[in-house]
Amino acid sequence: MKEAVIRGSFSALAGLVFAATSSEWTLWAIEQRRYWKLIPAVFLACLTVFESAQVWKRVDHLIEEATS
């Protein structure tokens, strides 16, 4: 269980970093009017969704483990 909590924490942290970087890159690309630079921001947003799904799976696993 301890390992699952640690992995979940790292996934949550990675998701937050990806979300912050994605929003920063998006604002930068819009301010610079270089819209082609939104491509990395979209990629980072996809990574954010992936990491969020990983966190959700781990939390679901922890709840299942705790109730059984």
N, C-alpha and C. Protein backbone atom coordinates (compact mmCIF):
# COMPACT_ATOMS: atom_id res chain seq x y z
N MET A 1 0.83 -1.19 0.00
CA MET A 1 0.00 0.00 0.00
C MET A 1 0.87 1.25 0.00
N LYS A 2 1.98 1.20 0.74
CA LYS A 2 2.86 2.35 0.81
C LYS A 2 3.42 2.69 -0.57
N GLU A 3 3.76 1.65 -1.34
CA GLU A 3 4.29 1.86 -2.68
C GLU A 3 3.26 2.52 -3.60
N ALA A 4 2.00 2.10 -3.46
CA ALA A 4 0.94 2.69 -4.28
C ALA A 4 0.73 4.16 -3.94
N VAL A 5 0.84 4.51 -2.67
CA VAL A 5 0.70 5.91 -2.27
C VAL A 5 1.85 6.75 -2.84
N ILE A 6 3.06 6.20 -2.79
CA ILE A 6 4.21 6.92 -3.33
C ILE A 6 4.07 7.12 -4.84
N ARG A 7 3.69 6.07 -5.54
CA ARG A 7 3.50 6.19 -7.00
C ARG A 7 2.38 7.18 -7.33
N GLY A 8 1.31 7.12 -6.57
CA GLY A 8 0.21 8.07 -6.79
C GLY A 8 0.64 9.50 -6.55
N SER A 9 1.46 9.71 -5.54
CA SER A 9 1.95 11.06 -5.25
C SER A 9 2.83 11.57 -6.38
N PHE A 10 3.71 10.71 -6.89
CA PHE A 10 4.57 11.13 -8.00
C PHE A 10 3.77 11.38 -9.26
N SER A 11 2.74 10.57 -9.51
CA SER A 11 1.89 10.80 -10.68
C SER A 11 1.13 12.11 -10.55
N ALA A 12 0.64 12.40 -9.35
CA ALA A 12 -0.07 13.66 -9.13
C ALA A 12 0.87 14.84 -9.33
N LEU A 13 2.08 14.73 -8.81
CA LEU A 13 3.06 15.80 -8.98
C LEU A 13 3.41 15.99 -10.46
N ALA A 14 3.60 14.89 -11.17
CA ALA A 14 3.91 14.99 -12.60
C ALA A 14 2.75 15.63 -13.36
N GLY A 15 1.53 15.27 -13.01
CA GLY A 15 0.36 15.88 -13.65
C GLY A 15 0.29 17.37 -13.41
N LEU A 16 0.60 17.79 -12.19
CA LEU A 16 0.59 19.23 -11.89
C LEU A 16 1.68 19.97 -12.66
N VAL A 17 2.85 19.37 -12.76
CA VAL A 17 3.94 20.00 -13.52
C VAL A 17 3.57 20.10 -15.00
N PHE A 18 3.00 19.04 -15.56
CA PHE A 18 2.59 19.07 -16.96
C PHE A 18 1.52 20.12 -17.19
N ALA A 19 0.55 20.23 -16.27
CA ALA A 19 -0.51 21.21 -16.42
C ALA A 19 0.03 22.64 -16.35
N ALA A 20 0.92 22.89 -15.40
CA ALA A 20 1.49 24.23 -15.26
C ALA A 20 2.33 24.60 -16.48
N THR A 21 3.14 23.67 -16.95
CA THR A 21 3.98 23.93 -18.12
C THR A 21 3.12 24.13 -19.37
N SER A 22 2.09 23.33 -19.50
CA SER A 22 1.20 23.46 -20.65
C SER A 22 0.51 24.82 -20.68
N SER A 23 0.01 25.25 -19.54
CA SER A 23 -0.67 26.56 -19.51
C SER A 23 0.32 27.70 -19.76
N GLU A 24 1.53 27.57 -19.24
CA GLU A 24 2.55 28.59 -19.47
C GLU A 24 2.92 28.67 -20.95
N TRP A 25 3.11 27.52 -21.59
CA TRP A 25 3.45 27.50 -23.01
C TRP A 25 2.31 28.04 -23.85
N THR A 26 1.07 27.73 -23.47
CA THR A 26 -0.08 28.22 -24.22
C THR A 26 -0.15 29.74 -24.17
N LEU A 27 -0.03 30.30 -22.98
CA LEU A 27 -0.06 31.76 -22.85
C LEU A 27 1.09 32.41 -23.61
N TRP A 28 2.26 31.82 -23.54
CA TRP A 28 3.43 32.36 -24.23
C TRP A 28 3.21 32.35 -25.75
N ALA A 29 2.69 31.24 -26.28
CA ALA A 29 2.46 31.14 -27.72
C ALA A 29 1.41 32.14 -28.19
N ILE A 30 0.38 32.35 -27.39
CA ILE A 30 -0.67 33.30 -27.77
C ILE A 30 -0.15 34.73 -27.70
N GLU A 31 0.60 35.05 -26.66
CA GLU A 31 1.17 36.40 -26.54
C GLU A 31 2.15 36.70 -27.67
N GLN A 32 2.92 35.72 -28.09
CA GLN A 32 3.90 35.90 -29.16
C GLN A 32 3.27 35.81 -30.55
N ARG A 33 2.01 35.40 -30.59
CA ARG A 33 1.28 35.18 -31.84
C ARG A 33 1.99 34.17 -32.74
N ARG A 34 2.55 33.19 -32.11
CA ARG A 34 3.17 32.08 -32.83
C ARG A 34 2.37 30.82 -32.49
N TYR A 35 1.28 30.67 -33.19
CA TYR A 35 0.31 29.64 -32.84
C TYR A 35 0.82 28.23 -33.11
N TRP A 36 1.82 28.09 -33.97
CA TRP A 36 2.37 26.76 -34.22
C TRP A 36 3.09 26.24 -32.98
N LYS A 37 3.43 27.14 -32.07
CA LYS A 37 4.09 26.71 -30.83
C LYS A 37 3.08 26.18 -29.80
N LEU A 38 1.83 26.13 -30.18
CA LEU A 38 0.82 25.50 -29.32
C LEU A 38 0.92 23.98 -29.35
N ILE A 39 1.63 23.45 -30.33
CA ILE A 39 1.74 21.99 -30.47
C ILE A 39 2.35 21.36 -29.21
N PRO A 40 3.47 21.88 -28.67
CA PRO A 40 3.99 21.28 -27.43
C PRO A 40 3.02 21.44 -26.26
N ALA A 41 2.28 22.54 -26.24
CA ALA A 41 1.31 22.74 -25.15
C ALA A 41 0.21 21.68 -25.21
N VAL A 42 -0.24 21.37 -26.41
CA VAL A 42 -1.27 20.33 -26.57
C VAL A 42 -0.71 18.97 -26.15
N PHE A 43 0.54 18.70 -26.52
CA PHE A 43 1.18 17.45 -26.10
C PHE A 43 1.26 17.36 -24.58
N LEU A 44 1.65 18.45 -23.93
CA LEU A 44 1.73 18.46 -22.47
C LEU A 44 0.35 18.31 -21.84
N ALA A 45 -0.67 18.88 -22.48
CA ALA A 45 -2.03 18.72 -21.97
C ALA A 45 -2.46 17.25 -22.05
N CYS A 46 -2.06 16.57 -23.11
CA CYS A 46 -2.36 15.13 -23.23
C CYS A 46 -1.65 14.33 -22.14
N LEU A 47 -0.41 14.71 -21.85
CA LEU A 47 0.31 14.04 -20.77
C LEU A 47 -0.37 14.29 -19.42
N THR A 48 -0.93 15.48 -19.25
CA THR A 48 -1.66 15.80 -18.02
C THR A 48 -2.86 14.87 -17.85
N VAL A 49 -3.60 14.68 -18.94
CA VAL A 49 -4.76 13.78 -18.89
C VAL A 49 -4.32 12.35 -18.57
N PHE A 50 -3.22 11.91 -19.19
CA PHE A 50 -2.71 10.57 -18.93
C PHE A 50 -2.32 10.40 -17.46
N GLU A 51 -1.59 11.36 -16.92
CA GLU A 51 -1.17 11.27 -15.51
C GLU A 51 -2.37 11.33 -14.57
N SER A 52 -3.38 12.11 -14.93
CA SER A 52 -4.60 12.16 -14.11
C SER A 52 -5.29 10.80 -14.08
N ALA A 53 -5.30 10.14 -15.22
CA ALA A 53 -5.89 8.80 -15.28
C ALA A 53 -5.09 7.82 -14.43
N GLN A 54 -3.77 7.96 -14.43
CA GLN A 54 -2.94 7.09 -13.59
C GLN A 54 -3.24 7.31 -12.11
N VAL A 55 -3.38 8.56 -11.72
CA VAL A 55 -3.71 8.87 -10.32
C VAL A 55 -5.06 8.27 -9.97
N TRP A 56 -6.03 8.42 -10.86
CA TRP A 56 -7.37 7.90 -10.61
C TRP A 56 -7.33 6.38 -10.42
N LYS A 57 -6.56 5.68 -11.27
CA LYS A 57 -6.44 4.22 -11.15
C LYS A 57 -5.81 3.83 -9.81
N ARG A 58 -4.78 4.56 -9.42
CA ARG A 58 -4.10 4.21 -8.17
C ARG A 58 -4.99 4.48 -6.96
N VAL A 59 -5.72 5.56 -6.99
CA VAL A 59 -6.64 5.86 -5.88
C VAL A 59 -7.73 4.80 -5.83
N ASP A 60 -8.25 4.42 -6.98
CA ASP A 60 -9.26 3.38 -7.04
C ASP A 60 -8.71 2.06 -6.50
N HIS A 61 -7.47 1.75 -6.84
CA HIS A 61 -6.83 0.53 -6.34
C HIS A 61 -6.66 0.60 -4.82
N LEU A 62 -6.26 1.75 -4.30
CA LEU A 62 -6.10 1.90 -2.85
C LEU A 62 -7.42 1.73 -2.11
N ILE A 63 -8.48 2.30 -2.66
CA ILE A 63 -9.80 2.17 -2.04
C ILE A 63 -10.24 0.72 -2.06
N GLU A 64 -10.03 0.06 -3.19
CA GLU A 64 -10.39 -1.35 -3.31
C GLU A 64 -9.60 -2.21 -2.32
N GLU A 65 -8.32 -1.90 -2.18
CA GLU A 65 -7.46 -2.63 -1.26
C GLU A 65 -7.88 -2.40 0.19
N ALA A 66 -8.27 -1.20 0.51
CA ALA A 66 -8.64 -0.86 1.89
C ALA A 66 -9.98 -1.48 2.29
N THR A 67 -10.88 -1.65 1.32
CA THR A 67 -12.19 -2.18 1.66
C THR A 67 -12.24 -3.71 1.63
N SER A 68 -11.21 -4.35 1.10
CA SER A 68 -11.26 -5.83 1.05
C SER A 68 -10.49 -6.46 2.19
